[in-house]
Structure formats: structure tokens, C-alpha cells
PDB file of N, CA and C in Angstrom:
ATOM      1  N   MET A   1     -54.101  86.984  29.731  1.00  0.00           N
ATOM      2  CA  MET A   1     -53.810  85.288  29.516  1.00  0.00           C
ATOM      3  C   MET A   1     -54.877  84.493  28.292  1.00  0.00           C
ATOM      4  N   ALA A   2     -53.849  84.067  27.403  1.00  0.00           N
ATOM      5  CA  ALA A   2     -54.593  83.292  25.826  1.00  0.00           C
ATOM      6  C   ALA A   2     -54.176  81.920  26.349  1.00  0.00           C
ATOM      7  N   ILE A   3     -55.255  81.220  25.927  1.00  0.00           N
ATOM      8  CA  ILE A   3     -54.854  79.612  26.528  1.00  0.00           C
ATOM      9  C   ILE A   3     -55.579  78.849  25.074  1.00  0.00           C
ATOM     10  N   ARG A   4     -54.526  78.171  23.977  1.00  0.00           N
ATOM     11  CA  ARG A   4     -55.060  77.614  22.610  1.00  0.00           C
ATOM     12  C   ARG A   4     -54.670  75.967  22.858  1.00  0.00           C
ATOM     13  N   THR A   5     -55.591  75.362  22.421  1.00  0.00           N
ATOM     14  CA  THR A   5     -54.918  73.724  22.367  1.00  0.00           C
ATOM     15  C   THR A   5     -55.517  73.232  20.918  1.00  0.00           C
ATOM     16  N   ALA A   6     -54.225  72.238  20.661  1.00  0.00           N
ATOM     17  CA  ALA A   6     -54.466  71.820  19.330  1.00  0.00           C
ATOM     18  C   ALA A   6     -53.960  70.125  19.537  1.00  0.00           C
ATOM     19  N   THR A   7     -54.356  69.150  18.791  1.00  0.00           N
ATOM     20  CA  THR A   7     -53.850  67.747  19.031  1.00  0.00           C
ATOM     21  C   THR A   7     -53.756  67.049  17.796  1.00  0.00           C
ATOM     22  N   THR A   8     -52.469  66.091  17.933  1.00  0.00           N
ATOM     23  CA  THR A   8     -51.664  65.655  16.934  1.00  0.00           C
ATOM     24  C   THR A   8     -52.226  63.966  17.361  1.00  0.00           C
ATOM     25  N   PRO A   9     -51.992  63.109  16.421  1.00  0.00           N
ATOM     26  CA  PRO A   9     -52.515  61.879  16.842  1.00  0.00           C
ATOM     27  C   PRO A   9     -51.758  61.046  18.190  1.00  0.00           C
ATOM     28  N   HIS A  10     -50.544  61.171  18.617  1.00  0.00           N
ATOM     29  CA  HIS A  10     -50.049  60.919  20.007  1.00  0.00           C
ATOM     30  C   HIS A  10     -49.893  62.154  20.565  1.00  0.00           C
ATOM     31  N   TRP A  11     -49.978  63.352  20.586  1.00  0.00           N
ATOM     32  CA  TRP A  11     -49.961  64.565  21.760  1.00  0.00           C
ATOM     33  C   TRP A  11     -51.022  65.280  21.455  1.00  0.00           C
ATOM     34  N   GLU A  12     -51.313  66.091  22.814  1.00  0.00           N
ATOM     35  CA  GLU A  12     -52.008  67.174  23.010  1.00  0.00           C
ATOM     36  C   GLU A  12     -51.377  68.166  23.574  1.00  0.00           C
ATOM     37  N   TYR A  13     -51.447  69.229  22.705  1.00  0.00           N
ATOM     38  CA  TYR A  13     -50.602  70.735  23.070  1.00  0.00           C
ATOM     39  C   TYR A  13     -51.779  72.020  23.644  1.00  0.00           C
ATOM     40  N   ARG A  14     -50.984  72.676  24.496  1.00  0.00           N
ATOM     41  CA  ARG A  14     -51.982  73.906  25.074  1.00  0.00           C
ATOM     42  C   ARG A  14     -50.510  74.952  25.370  1.00  0.00           C
ATOM     43  N   GLU A  15     -51.225  75.965  24.547  1.00  0.00           N
ATOM     44  CA  GLU A  15     -50.139  77.013  24.436  1.00  0.00           C
ATOM     45  C   GLU A  15     -51.051  77.982  25.281  1.00  0.00           C
ATOM     46  N   ILE A  16     -50.177  78.603  26.618  1.00  0.00           N
ATOM     47  CA  ILE A  16     -50.381  79.738  27.067  1.00  0.00           C
ATOM     48  C   ILE A  16     -49.365  80.772  26.751  1.00  0.00           C
ATOM     49  N   ALA A  17     -50.382  81.946  26.485  1.00  0.00           N
ATOM     50  CA  ALA A  17     -49.460  83.270  26.215  1.00  0.00           C
ATOM     51  C   ALA A  17     -50.036  83.991  27.984  1.00  0.00           C
ATOM     52  N   LEU A  18     -48.966  84.362  28.688  1.00  0.00           N
ATOM     53  CA  LEU A  18     -48.854  85.082  29.706  1.00  0.00           C
ATOM     54  C   LEU A  18     -48.586  86.561  29.064  1.00  0.00           C
ATOM     55  N   PRO A  19     -49.138  87.287  29.980  1.00  0.00           N
ATOM     56  CA  PRO A  19     -48.899  89.026  29.814  1.00  0.00           C
ATOM     57  C   PRO A  19     -47.546  89.748  30.061  1.00  0.00           C
ATOM     58  N   ARG A  20     -46.834  90.482  30.060  1.00  0.00           N
ATOM     59  CA  ARG A  20     -45.535  91.230  30.701  1.00  0.00           C
ATOM     60  C   ARG A  20     -45.796  91.457  31.957  1.00  0.00           C
ATOM     61  N   GLY A  21     -45.266  91.063  32.820  1.00  0.00           N
ATOM     62  CA  GLY A  21     -45.238  91.722  34.232  1.00  0.00           C
ATOM     63  C   GLY A  21     -45.906  90.064  34.705  1.00  0.00           C
ATOM     64  N   THR A  22     -45.916  89.481  34.320  1.00  0.00           N
ATOM     65  CA  THR A  22     -46.476  87.898  35.366  1.00  0.00           C
ATOM     66  C   THR A  22     -45.101  87.863  35.489  1.00  0.00           C
ATOM     67  N   SER A  23     -45.274  87.321  36.915  1.00  0.00           N
ATOM     68  CA  SER A  23     -43.965  86.951  37.616  1.00  0.00           C
ATOM     69  C   SER A  23     -43.697  85.382  37.555  1.00  0.00           C
ATOM     70  N   ARG A  24     -42.172  85.133  37.473  1.00  0.00           N
ATOM     71  CA  ARG A  24     -41.506  83.783  37.827  1.00  0.00           C
ATOM     72  C   ARG A  24     -42.571  83.131  38.184  1.00  0.00           C
ATOM     73  N   GLU A  25     -42.852  83.294  39.864  1.00  0.00           N
ATOM     74  CA  GLU A  25     -43.589  82.717  40.771  1.00  0.00           C
ATOM     75  C   GLU A  25     -45.013  82.224  40.145  1.00  0.00           C
ATOM     76  N   ALA A  26     -45.621  83.108  39.414  1.00  0.00           N
ATOM     77  CA  ALA A  26     -46.887  83.176  39.008  1.00  0.00           C
ATOM     78  C   ALA A  26     -47.239  82.161  38.205  1.00  0.00           C
ATOM     79  N   ALA A  27     -46.111  82.157  36.797  1.00  0.00           N
ATOM     80  CA  ALA A  27     -45.841  80.981  36.114  1.00  0.00           C
ATOM     81  C   ALA A  27     -45.883  79.938  36.434  1.00  0.00           C
ATOM     82  N   ARG A  28     -44.790  79.932  37.293  1.00  0.00           N
ATOM     83  CA  ARG A  28     -44.608  78.416  38.102  1.00  0.00           C
ATOM     84  C   ARG A  28     -45.870  77.717  38.662  1.00  0.00           C
ATOM     85  N   GLN A  29     -46.486  78.877  39.563  1.00  0.00           N
ATOM     86  CA  GLN A  29     -47.872  78.227  40.187  1.00  0.00           C
ATOM     87  C   GLN A  29     -48.788  77.676  39.123  1.00  0.00           C
ATOM     88  N   LEU A  30     -49.180  78.409  37.745  1.00  0.00           N
ATOM     89  CA  LEU A  30     -49.747  77.875  36.776  1.00  0.00           C
ATOM     90  C   LEU A  30     -49.360  76.507  36.048  1.00  0.00           C
ATOM     91  N   MET A  31     -48.407  76.599  35.898  1.00  0.00           N
ATOM     92  CA  MET A  31     -47.539  75.381  35.444  1.00  0.00           C
ATOM     93  C   MET A  31     -48.069  74.171  36.122  1.00  0.00           C
ATOM     94  N   THR A  32     -47.338  74.533  37.382  1.00  0.00           N
ATOM     95  CA  THR A  32     -47.307  73.346  38.653  1.00  0.00           C
ATOM     96  C   THR A  32     -48.940  72.684  38.543  1.00  0.00           C
ATOM     97  N   GLY A  33     -49.654  73.640  38.821  1.00  0.00           N
ATOM     98  CA  GLY A  33     -51.231  73.305  38.347  1.00  0.00           C
ATOM     99  C   GLY A  33     -51.733  72.561  37.649  1.00  0.00           C
ATOM    100  N   ALA A  34     -51.340  72.846  36.294  1.00  0.00           N
ATOM    101  CA  ALA A  34     -51.816  72.145  35.096  1.00  0.00           C
ATOM    102  C   ALA A  34     -50.952  70.827  34.711  1.00  0.00           C
ATOM    103  N   ALA A  35     -49.829  70.800  35.402  1.00  0.00           N
ATOM    104  CA  ALA A  35     -49.338  69.366  35.502  1.00  0.00           C
ATOM    105  C   ALA A  35     -49.831  68.538  36.411  1.00  0.00           C
ATOM    106  N   ASP A  36     -50.087  68.942  37.665  1.00  0.00           N
ATOM    107  CA  ASP A  36     -51.051  68.278  38.956  1.00  0.00           C
ATOM    108  C   ASP A  36     -52.226  67.724  38.659  1.00  0.00           C
ATOM    109  N   THR A  37     -53.318  68.473  37.990  1.00  0.00           N
ATOM    110  CA  THR A  37     -54.200  68.075  37.681  1.00  0.00           C
ATOM    111  C   THR A  37     -54.679  67.560  36.149  1.00  0.00           C
ATOM    112  N   GLY A  38     -54.030  67.838  35.112  1.00  0.00           N
ATOM    113  CA  GLY A  38     -54.469  67.762  33.802  1.00  0.00           C
ATOM    114  C   GLY A  38     -53.131  66.744  33.322  1.00  0.00           C
ATOM    115  N   HIS A  39     -52.311  66.292  34.150  1.00  0.00           N
ATOM    116  CA  HIS A  39     -51.268  65.668  33.390  1.00  0.00           C
ATOM    117  C   HIS A  39     -50.184  66.453  32.424  1.00  0.00           C
ATOM    118  N   TRP A  40     -50.163  67.758  32.515  1.00  0.00           N
ATOM    119  CA  TRP A  40     -49.509  68.172  31.380  1.00  0.00           C
ATOM    120  C   TRP A  40     -47.997  68.329  31.706  1.00  0.00           C
ATOM    121  N   GLU A  41     -47.079  68.498  30.753  1.00  0.00           N
ATOM    122  CA  GLU A  41     -45.647  68.515  30.871  1.00  0.00           C
ATOM    123  C   GLU A  41     -44.881  69.624  30.562  1.00  0.00           C
ATOM    124  N   LEU A  42     -43.915  69.964  30.851  1.00  0.00           N
ATOM    125  CA  LEU A  42     -43.361  71.272  29.703  1.00  0.00           C
ATOM    126  C   LEU A  42     -42.799  71.012  28.366  1.00  0.00           C
ATOM    127  N   GLN A  43     -43.363  71.650  27.530  1.00  0.00           N
ATOM    128  CA  GLN A  43     -42.287  71.109  26.330  1.00  0.00           C
ATOM    129  C   GLN A  43     -41.462  72.467  26.257  1.00  0.00           C
ATOM    130  N   GLN A  44     -42.175  73.805  26.055  1.00  0.00           N
ATOM    131  CA  GLN A  44     -41.210  74.799  25.589  1.00  0.00           C
ATOM    132  C   GLN A  44     -41.828  75.999  26.478  1.00  0.00           C
ATOM    133  N   SER A  45     -40.688  77.051  26.486  1.00  0.00           N
ATOM    134  CA  SER A  45     -41.044  78.101  27.578  1.00  0.00           C
ATOM    135  C   SER A  45     -40.007  79.060  26.791  1.00  0.00           C
ATOM    136  N   ARG A  46     -41.078  80.338  26.359  1.00  0.00           N
ATOM    137  CA  ARG A  46     -39.913  81.867  26.084  1.00  0.00           C
ATOM    138  C   ARG A  46     -40.516  82.888  26.701  1.00  0.00           C
ATOM    139  N   VAL A  47     -39.470  83.605  27.001  1.00  0.00           N
ATOM    140  CA  VAL A  47     -39.321  85.155  27.258  1.00  0.00           C
ATOM    141  C   VAL A  47     -39.267  86.108  26.410  1.00  0.00           C
ATOM    142  N   PHE A  48     -39.882  86.753  25.975  1.00  0.00           N
ATOM    143  CA  PHE A  48     -39.559  87.866  25.102  1.00  0.00           C
ATOM    144  C   PHE A  48     -38.879  89.098  25.426  1.00  0.00           C
ATOM    145  N   PRO A  49     -38.033  89.824  24.603  1.00  0.00           N
ATOM    146  CA  PRO A  49     -37.512  91.022  25.036  1.00  0.00           C
ATOM    147  C   PRO A  49     -38.493  92.169  25.739  1.00  0.00           C
ATOM    148  N   ASP A  50     -39.748  92.039  25.512  1.00  0.00           N
ATOM    149  CA  ASP A  50     -40.687  93.217  26.178  1.00  0.00           C
ATOM    150  C   ASP A  50     -41.269  92.842  27.428  1.00  0.00           C
ATOM    151  N   GLY A  51     -41.058  91.103  27.593  1.00  0.00           N
ATOM    152  CA  GLY A  51     -41.378  90.939  28.856  1.00  0.00           C
ATOM    153  C   GLY A  51     -42.863  89.621  28.838  1.00  0.00           C
ATOM    154  N   ARG A  52     -43.373  89.244  27.910  1.00  0.00           N
ATOM    155  CA  ARG A  52     -44.450  88.544  27.634  1.00  0.00           C
ATOM    156  C   ARG A  52     -43.608  87.049  27.414  1.00  0.00           C
ATOM    157  N   ARG A  53     -44.474  86.224  28.161  1.00  0.00           N
ATOM    158  CA  ARG A  53     -44.123  84.932  28.384  1.00  0.00           C
ATOM    159  C   ARG A  53     -45.289  83.506  27.302  1.00  0.00           C
ATOM    160  N   LYS A  54     -44.549  82.537  26.669  1.00  0.00           N
ATOM    161  CA  LYS A  54     -45.352  81.834  25.607  1.00  0.00           C
ATOM    162  C   LYS A  54     -44.803  80.475  26.473  1.00  0.00           C
ATOM    163  N   VAL A  55     -46.109  79.456  26.609  1.00  0.00           N
ATOM    164  CA  VAL A  55     -45.530  78.401  27.423  1.00  0.00           C
ATOM    165  C   VAL A  55     -45.940  76.995  26.269  1.00  0.00           C
ATOM    166  N   ARG A  56     -45.566  76.611  26.575  1.00  0.00           N
ATOM    167  CA  ARG A  56     -46.436  75.249  25.314  1.00  0.00           C
ATOM    168  C   ARG A  56     -46.300  73.884  26.380  1.00  0.00           C
ATOM    169  N   LEU A  57     -47.406  73.366  26.832  1.00  0.00           N
ATOM    170  CA  LEU A  57     -47.285  72.385  27.645  1.00  0.00           C
ATOM    171  C   LEU A  57     -48.208  71.311  26.434  1.00  0.00           C
ATOM    172  N   ARG A  58     -47.593  69.764  26.969  1.00  0.00           N
ATOM    173  CA  ARG A  58     -48.235  68.464  26.311  1.00  0.00           C
ATOM    174  C   ARG A  58     -48.496  67.565  27.094  1.00  0.00           C
ATOM    175  N   ARG A  59     -49.577  66.611  26.334  1.00  0.00           N
ATOM    176  CA  ARG A  59     -49.595  65.386  27.179  1.00  0.00           C
ATOM    177  C   ARG A  59     -49.925  64.114  26.174  1.00  0.00           C
ATOM    178  N   ARG A  60     -49.370  63.371  26.714  1.00  0.00           N
ATOM    179  CA  ARG A  60     -49.735  62.154  25.551  1.00  0.00           C
ATOM    180  C   ARG A  60     -51.316  61.884  25.719  1.00  0.00           C
ATOM    181  N   VAL A  61     -51.833  61.301  23.914  1.00  0.00           N
ATOM    182  CA  VAL A  61     -53.071  60.934  24.067  1.00  0.00           C
ATOM    183  C   VAL A  61     -53.223  59.538  24.030  1.00  0.00           C
ATOM    184  N   TYR A  62     -54.098  58.947  24.465  1.00  0.00           N
ATOM    185  CA  TYR A  62     -53.845  57.393  24.998  1.00  0.00           C
ATOM    186  C   TYR A  62     -55.563  57.043  24.347  1.00  0.00           C
ATOM    187  N   ARG A  63     -55.244  55.882  23.135  1.00  0.00           N
ATOM    188  CA  ARG A  63     -56.858  55.853  22.640  1.00  0.00           C
ATOM    189  C   ARG A  63     -57.140  54.524  23.223  1.00  0.00           C
ATOM    190  N   VAL A  64     -57.968  54.390  23.606  1.00  0.00           N
ATOM    191  CA  VAL A  64     -58.426  53.005  24.046  1.00  0.00           C
ATOM    192  C   VAL A  64     -59.322  52.117  22.847  1.00  0.00           C
ATOM    193  N   VAL A  65     -58.878  51.013  22.646  1.00  0.00           N
ATOM    194  CA  VAL A  65     -59.623  50.273  21.827  1.00  0.00           C
ATOM    195  C   VAL A  65     -60.664  49.206  22.346  1.00  0.00           C
ATOM    196  N   ARG A  66     -61.338  49.296  21.787  1.00  0.00           N
ATOM    197  CA  ARG A  66     -62.543  48.102  22.370  1.00  0.00           C
ATOM    198  C   ARG A  66     -62.403  46.787  22.142  1.00  0.00           C
ATOM    199  N   THR A  67     -61.804  45.517  22.851  1.00  0.00           N
ATOM    200  CA  THR A  67     -61.576  44.398  22.254  1.00  0.00           C
ATOM    201  C   THR A  67     -62.706  43.137  22.579  1.00  0.00           C
ATOM    202  N   ALA A  68     -63.994  43.818  23.118  1.00  0.00           N
ATOM    203  CA  ALA A  68     -65.294  42.353  22.702  1.00  0.00           C
ATOM    204  C   ALA A  68     -65.991  43.174  21.753  1.00  0.00           C
TER     205      ALA A  68
END
């Protein structure tokens, strides 16, 4: 499993590559855990003909501006 993270001004993205043979249930549990603990939401999910899966998660980036 490979994980890559990128950031834009408004969103943070995480790409997860799951090897072939990973069950749908295992992929679902991984994404549910990420959503619950890190506030990630599913943006894209791809299943390739050879069985590999790529999942892209995203979450909004909040910038805090000091007012005082």
C-alpha cells in the first residue's frame, strides 16, 4: 500500500494505492477509518482491470488568521 499526500490552497489530497487482491471490505474499512479520524472524504475511486485500486481522499484546509 502506497500513500501520497499533496496540498493546494483550499484542499489537501491523499492518494492511496491498494494492491490487487485487496477486498472491497478491506478498502471500505480503510476509507471509513480515514474519514472518521482525519475528516477525509472520498473524491475518486478507481479499480483497474488487473485488480489494483487507487483511492483519492480530500479534506478542506482551514487557514487561521490572527486577529490581535
